[in-house]
Protein backbone atom coordinates (compact mmCIF):
# COMPACT_ATOMS: atom_id res chain seq x y z
CA UNK A 1 72.75 -35.95 49.56
CA UNK A 2 70.08 -36.84 47.01
CA UNK A 3 71.17 -36.80 43.28
CA UNK A 4 69.73 -33.97 41.38
CA UNK A 5 67.10 -34.81 38.56
CA UNK A 6 68.25 -32.65 35.88
CA UNK A 7 64.90 -33.82 33.87
CA UNK A 8 62.32 -32.49 36.38
CA UNK A 9 62.44 -28.64 35.60
CA UNK A 10 61.93 -29.84 31.93
CA UNK A 11 59.10 -32.22 32.76
CA UNK A 12 57.43 -29.48 34.73
CA UNK A 13 57.53 -27.04 31.95
CA UNK A 14 56.14 -29.37 29.44
CA UNK A 15 52.66 -29.32 30.77
CA UNK A 16 52.73 -25.50 31.08
CA UNK A 17 53.74 -25.25 27.29
CA UNK A 18 51.20 -27.85 26.45
CA UNK A 19 48.73 -25.91 28.63
CA UNK A 20 49.47 -22.65 26.94
CA UNK A 21 49.48 -23.98 23.47
CA UNK A 22 45.62 -25.35 24.13
CA UNK A 23 44.54 -22.18 25.58
CA UNK A 24 45.73 -20.13 22.63
CA UNK A 25 44.22 -22.67 20.31
CA UNK A 26 40.83 -22.35 21.95
CA UNK A 27 41.16 -18.57 22.05
CA UNK A 28 42.17 -18.65 18.13
CA UNK A 29 38.97 -20.90 17.48
CA UNK A 30 36.77 -18.70 19.71
CA UNK A 31 37.88 -15.57 17.73
CA UNK A 32 37.22 -17.33 14.48
CA UNK A 33 33.79 -18.38 15.52
CA UNK A 34 32.95 -14.91 16.89
CA UNK A 35 33.99 -13.47 13.59
CA UNK A 36 32.03 -16.07 11.69
CA UNK A 37 28.57 -15.52 13.78
CA UNK A 38 27.69 -12.05 12.00
CA UNK A 39 28.24 -13.65 8.65
CA UNK A 40 26.01 -16.77 9.82
CA UNK A 41 23.35 -14.14 11.02
CA UNK A 42 23.65 -12.03 8.11
CA UNK A 43 23.21 -15.29 5.76
CA UNK A 44 19.98 -16.44 7.94
CA UNK A 45 18.56 -13.01 7.64
CA UNK A 46 19.29 -12.94 3.80
CA UNK A 47 17.68 -16.26 3.37
CA UNK A 48 14.58 -15.16 5.44
CA UNK A 49 14.41 -11.95 3.55
CA UNK A 50 14.49 -13.87 0.29
CA UNK A 51 11.65 -16.11 1.34
CA UNK A 52 9.70 -13.25 2.40
CA UNK A 53 10.16 -11.27 -0.74
CA UNK A 54 9.28 -14.44 -2.98
CA UNK A 55 5.93 -14.92 -0.78
CA UNK A 56 5.16 -11.30 -1.13
CA UNK A 57 5.64 -11.38 -5.07
CA UNK A 58 3.45 -14.60 -5.04
CA UNK A 59 0.82 -12.76 -3.09
CA UNK A 60 1.03 -9.73 -5.15
CA UNK A 61 0.74 -11.90 -8.37
CA UNK A 62 -2.45 -13.56 -7.18
CA UNK A 63 -4.00 -10.16 -6.28
CA UNK A 64 -3.27 -9.19 -9.61
CA UNK A 65 -5.04 -12.38 -10.85
CA UNK A 66 -8.03 -11.88 -8.82
CA UNK A 67 -8.44 -8.01 -10.08
CA UNK A 68 -8.06 -9.26 -13.59
CA UNK A 69 -10.73 -12.06 -13.22
CA UNK A 70 -13.09 -9.74 -11.21
CA UNK A 71 -12.63 -7.23 -14.20
CA UNK A 72 -13.32 -10.07 -16.71
CA UNK A 73 -16.40 -11.18 -15.10
CA UNK A 74 -17.63 -7.50 -14.93
CA UNK A 75 -17.09 -7.00 -18.37
CA UNK A 76 -19.04 -10.28 -19.29
CA UNK A 77 -21.90 -8.99 -17.32
CA UNK A 78 -21.82 -5.64 -18.93
CA UNK A 79 -21.73 -7.19 -22.32
CA UNK A 80 -25.12 -9.19 -21.30
CA UNK A 81 -26.57 -5.70 -20.29
CA UNK A 82 -25.38 -4.25 -23.54
CA UNK A 83 -27.24 -7.00 -25.52
CA UNK A 84 -30.41 -6.19 -23.63
CA UNK A 85 -30.07 -2.72 -24.23
CA UNK A 86 -29.52 -3.16 -28.03
CA UNK A 87 -32.88 -5.33 -27.90
CA UNK A 88 -34.60 -2.63 -26.01
CA UNK A 89 -33.84 -0.04 -28.68
CA UNK A 90 -35.49 -2.10 -31.48
CA UNK A 91 -38.43 -0.39 -33.15
CA UNK A 92 -40.92 -3.25 -32.77
CA UNK A 93 -40.03 -3.25 -29.00
CA UNK A 94 -40.43 0.33 -28.65
CA UNK A 95 -43.92 0.03 -30.63
CA UNK A 96 -45.22 -2.50 -28.03
CA UNK A 97 -45.25 -5.52 -30.34
CA UNK A 98 -45.09 -8.45 -28.04
CA UNK A 99 -44.89 -11.03 -30.53
CA UNK A 100 -41.95 -9.14 -32.46
CA UNK A 101 -40.19 -8.49 -28.99
CA UNK A 102 -40.44 -12.18 -28.25
CA UNK A 103 -38.84 -13.14 -31.55
CA UNK A 104 -35.89 -10.60 -30.97
CA UNK A 105 -35.36 -11.91 -27.32
CA UNK A 106 -35.29 -15.43 -28.54
CA UNK A 107 -32.65 -14.77 -31.22
CA UNK A 108 -30.54 -12.92 -28.59
CA UNK A 109 -30.83 -15.77 -26.04
CA UNK A 110 -29.75 -18.38 -28.81
CA UNK A 111 -26.92 -16.80 -30.17
CA UNK A 112 -25.38 -15.50 -26.69
CA UNK A 113 -23.74 -18.42 -24.88
CA UNK A 114 -23.92 -16.57 -21.70
CA UNK A 115 -27.52 -16.51 -21.36
CA UNK A 116 -30.09 -19.22 -20.45
CA UNK A 117 -33.26 -17.17 -21.38
CA UNK A 118 -34.78 -13.79 -21.53
CA UNK A 119 -37.98 -12.78 -20.08
CA UNK A 120 -40.15 -9.66 -19.25
CA UNK A 121 -42.21 -9.03 -16.11
CA UNK A 122 -44.49 -6.30 -15.08
CA UNK A 123 -44.96 -4.79 -11.35
CA UNK A 124 -47.51 -7.50 -10.63
CA UNK A 125 -45.22 -10.24 -11.71
CA UNK A 126 -46.96 -11.40 -14.80
CA UNK A 127 -44.83 -12.75 -17.56
CA UNK A 128 -45.82 -12.01 -20.88
CA UNK A 129 -43.18 -14.34 -22.21
CA UNK A 130 -39.97 -16.28 -21.39
CA UNK A 131 -37.73 -17.52 -24.18
CA UNK A 132 -37.41 -20.74 -22.76
CA UNK A 133 -41.42 -21.39 -23.47
CA UNK A 134 -43.32 -20.75 -26.50
CA UNK A 135 -45.05 -17.46 -26.73
CA UNK A 136 -48.44 -17.62 -25.08
CA UNK A 137 -47.50 -20.23 -22.53
CA UNK A 138 -48.81 -19.41 -19.04
CA UNK A 139 -45.79 -18.82 -16.85
CA UNK A 140 -45.42 -18.91 -13.06
CA UNK A 141 -45.19 -15.60 -10.91
CA UNK A 142 -41.95 -14.87 -9.51
CA UNK A 143 -41.83 -15.38 -5.87
CA UNK A 144 -41.84 -12.38 -3.46
CA UNK A 145 -37.90 -12.16 -3.08
CA UNK A 146 -37.64 -11.97 -6.81
CA UNK A 147 -40.37 -9.26 -7.25
CA UNK A 148 -38.37 -7.36 -4.45
CA UNK A 149 -35.15 -7.80 -6.40
CA UNK A 150 -36.93 -6.00 -9.43
CA UNK A 151 -38.43 -2.98 -7.53
CA UNK A 152 -35.48 -0.81 -7.98
CA UNK A 153 -35.71 -1.45 -11.76
CA UNK A 154 -39.36 -0.27 -11.94
CA UNK A 155 -38.98 2.41 -9.35
CA UNK A 156 -35.67 3.85 -9.93
CA UNK A 157 -34.81 2.86 -13.42
CA UNK A 158 -31.59 0.87 -12.16
CA UNK A 159 -29.84 -2.08 -13.82
CA UNK A 160 -29.69 -4.74 -11.05
CA UNK A 161 -27.85 -8.09 -10.61
CA UNK A 162 -29.46 -10.88 -8.53
CA UNK A 163 -27.86 -13.11 -6.15
CA UNK A 164 -28.07 -16.95 -7.12
CA UNK A 165 -31.61 -17.85 -7.66
CA UNK A 166 -33.44 -21.00 -8.98
CA UNK A 167 -35.18 -19.93 -12.06
CA UNK A 168 -38.94 -20.42 -11.94
CA UNK A 169 -39.01 -21.65 -15.55
CA UNK A 170 -35.60 -23.17 -16.16
CA UNK A 171 -35.42 -24.69 -12.70
CA UNK A 172 -31.72 -23.91 -12.93
CA UNK A 173 -29.42 -22.10 -10.50
CA UNK A 174 -28.55 -19.01 -12.10
CA UNK A 175 -27.93 -15.51 -11.67
CA UNK A 176 -30.37 -12.83 -13.06
CA UNK A 177 -29.75 -9.34 -14.45
CA UNK A 178 -32.37 -6.89 -15.23
CA UNK A 179 -33.03 -3.48 -16.55
CA UNK A 180 -36.17 -1.24 -17.25
CA UNK A 181 -37.74 -1.98 -20.80
CA UNK A 182 -40.18 0.78 -22.25
CA UNK A 183 -42.53 -0.78 -24.64
CA UNK A 184 -44.48 2.37 -25.46
CA UNK A 185 -48.25 1.49 -25.62
CA UNK A 186 -47.78 -1.83 -23.95
CA UNK A 187 -46.28 -0.51 -20.85
CA UNK A 188 -43.05 -0.68 -18.68
CA UNK A 189 -41.50 -3.88 -17.83
CA UNK A 190 -38.31 -5.39 -16.32
CA UNK A 191 -36.23 -6.91 -19.14
CA UNK A 192 -34.46 -9.93 -17.53
CA UNK A 193 -31.74 -12.48 -18.48
CA UNK A 194 -30.54 -15.45 -16.68
CA UNK A 195 -26.96 -16.02 -16.88
CA UNK A 196 -25.26 -19.44 -16.62
CA UNK A 197 -23.19 -20.21 -13.48
CA UNK A 198 -20.95 -22.51 -15.48
CA UNK A 199 -20.23 -19.32 -17.81
CA UNK A 200 -19.07 -17.29 -14.53
CA UNK A 201 -16.99 -20.26 -13.75
CA UNK A 202 -15.26 -20.31 -17.03
CA UNK A 203 -14.59 -16.45 -16.86
CA UNK A 204 -13.18 -17.10 -13.39
CA UNK A 205 -10.84 -19.80 -14.61
CA UNK A 206 -9.39 -17.71 -17.54
CA UNK A 207 -6.96 -16.98 -15.06
CA UNK A 208 -4.11 -19.50 -14.19
CA UNK A 209 -4.64 -20.27 -10.57
CA UNK A 210 -1.97 -22.16 -8.79
CA UNK A 211 -2.98 -25.77 -7.75
CA UNK A 212 -2.89 -25.10 -4.14
CA UNK A 213 -4.93 -21.96 -4.05
CA UNK A 214 -8.73 -21.48 -4.76
CA UNK A 215 -10.60 -18.64 -6.25
CA UNK A 216 -14.22 -18.41 -5.86
CA UNK A 217 -16.91 -15.73 -6.72
CA UNK A 218 -19.63 -15.09 -4.11
CA UNK A 219 -23.04 -13.47 -4.44
CA UNK A 220 -24.88 -10.92 -2.33
CA UNK A 221 -25.68 -13.47 0.31
CA UNK A 222 -22.14 -14.69 0.24
CA UNK A 223 -23.01 -17.98 -1.38
CA UNK A 224 -20.36 -19.48 -3.65
CA UNK A 225 -21.50 -19.10 -7.57
CA UNK A 226 -18.35 -20.07 -9.01
CA UNK A 227 -15.18 -21.61 -8.10
CA UNK A 228 -11.81 -22.71 -9.43
CA UNK A 229 -11.83 -26.22 -8.45
CA UNK A 230 -14.41 -28.69 -7.06
CA UNK A 231 -17.02 -26.29 -8.18
CA UNK A 232 -19.91 -29.01 -8.34
CA UNK A 233 -19.38 -29.72 -4.68
CA UNK A 234 -19.38 -26.05 -3.26
CA UNK A 235 -21.61 -24.10 -5.64
CA UNK A 236 -24.45 -22.97 -3.48
CA UNK A 237 -22.60 -23.33 -0.07
CA UNK A 238 -21.92 -20.52 2.23
CA UNK A 239 -18.59 -18.86 2.40
CA UNK A 240 -16.46 -19.97 5.20
CA UNK A 241 -16.45 -18.13 8.44
CA UNK A 242 -12.85 -17.30 8.03
CA UNK A 243 -13.53 -15.69 4.51
CA UNK A 244 -16.71 -14.03 5.84
CA UNK A 245 -14.63 -12.64 8.60
CA UNK A 246 -12.08 -11.15 6.04
CA UNK A 247 -14.83 -9.81 4.11
CA UNK A 248 -16.18 -7.96 6.95
CA UNK A 249 -12.86 -6.71 8.07
CA UNK A 250 -12.76 -4.41 4.94
CA UNK A 251 -9.45 -5.14 4.29
CA UNK A 252 -8.44 -5.48 0.45
CA UNK A 253 -6.11 -8.54 1.14
CA UNK A 254 -6.41 -11.22 3.67
CA UNK A 255 -5.80 -14.69 4.39
CA UNK A 256 -8.56 -17.29 4.58
CA UNK A 257 -9.85 -20.78 3.69
CA UNK A 258 -12.27 -20.72 0.81
């Protein structure tokens, strides 16, 4: 008869107890992790939501700046028209006194930093004067495009704003504004003022644009006439394809490269 090993049952029971202990520990860890997962997901969602809200706030702030900048530029252009309307009401102008009208226009252009020069043009393109030249100087006839732009002024009595043009007298790239001028016995003309592009750039940059964003002003041809940075490099260039596509979409807010 073999002696009985009294320790054998105890030895077999030890692994079972160890295995049971490991299983319970693993189960407890698993339950703890499962309990933690919703918190992790919620935390990740909260962070993403906070980032999205910050981005939305930043975009909304930029939109407000863009609207404020557009309103400021429109206000300045309205101010140029107001100066021309005041000039048109002068008695000497309404009497058709060309020399006195020239003197009034020259004073307005001299004191208004927005204006490069003031001129009047008839339906045939003849310019009796331009304040950039002495009265009596023979002046060039505007090209067909410029004459076309002033047609609504003469035919419909409208105020107009031109796209960016090169002034036939100044030689500078400018934006022109025009309105009807009744000089009584001297006839009806287009009263024109040319506005400095650098003035438009100054109005644009009155807003504090973030360093990594670019604001630009486009004319009717979608040429850049003012830009918040690197203006000298981009003035006169066509807007990027993505920006034009965004404008074509009709959406008030879109993402593009300027």
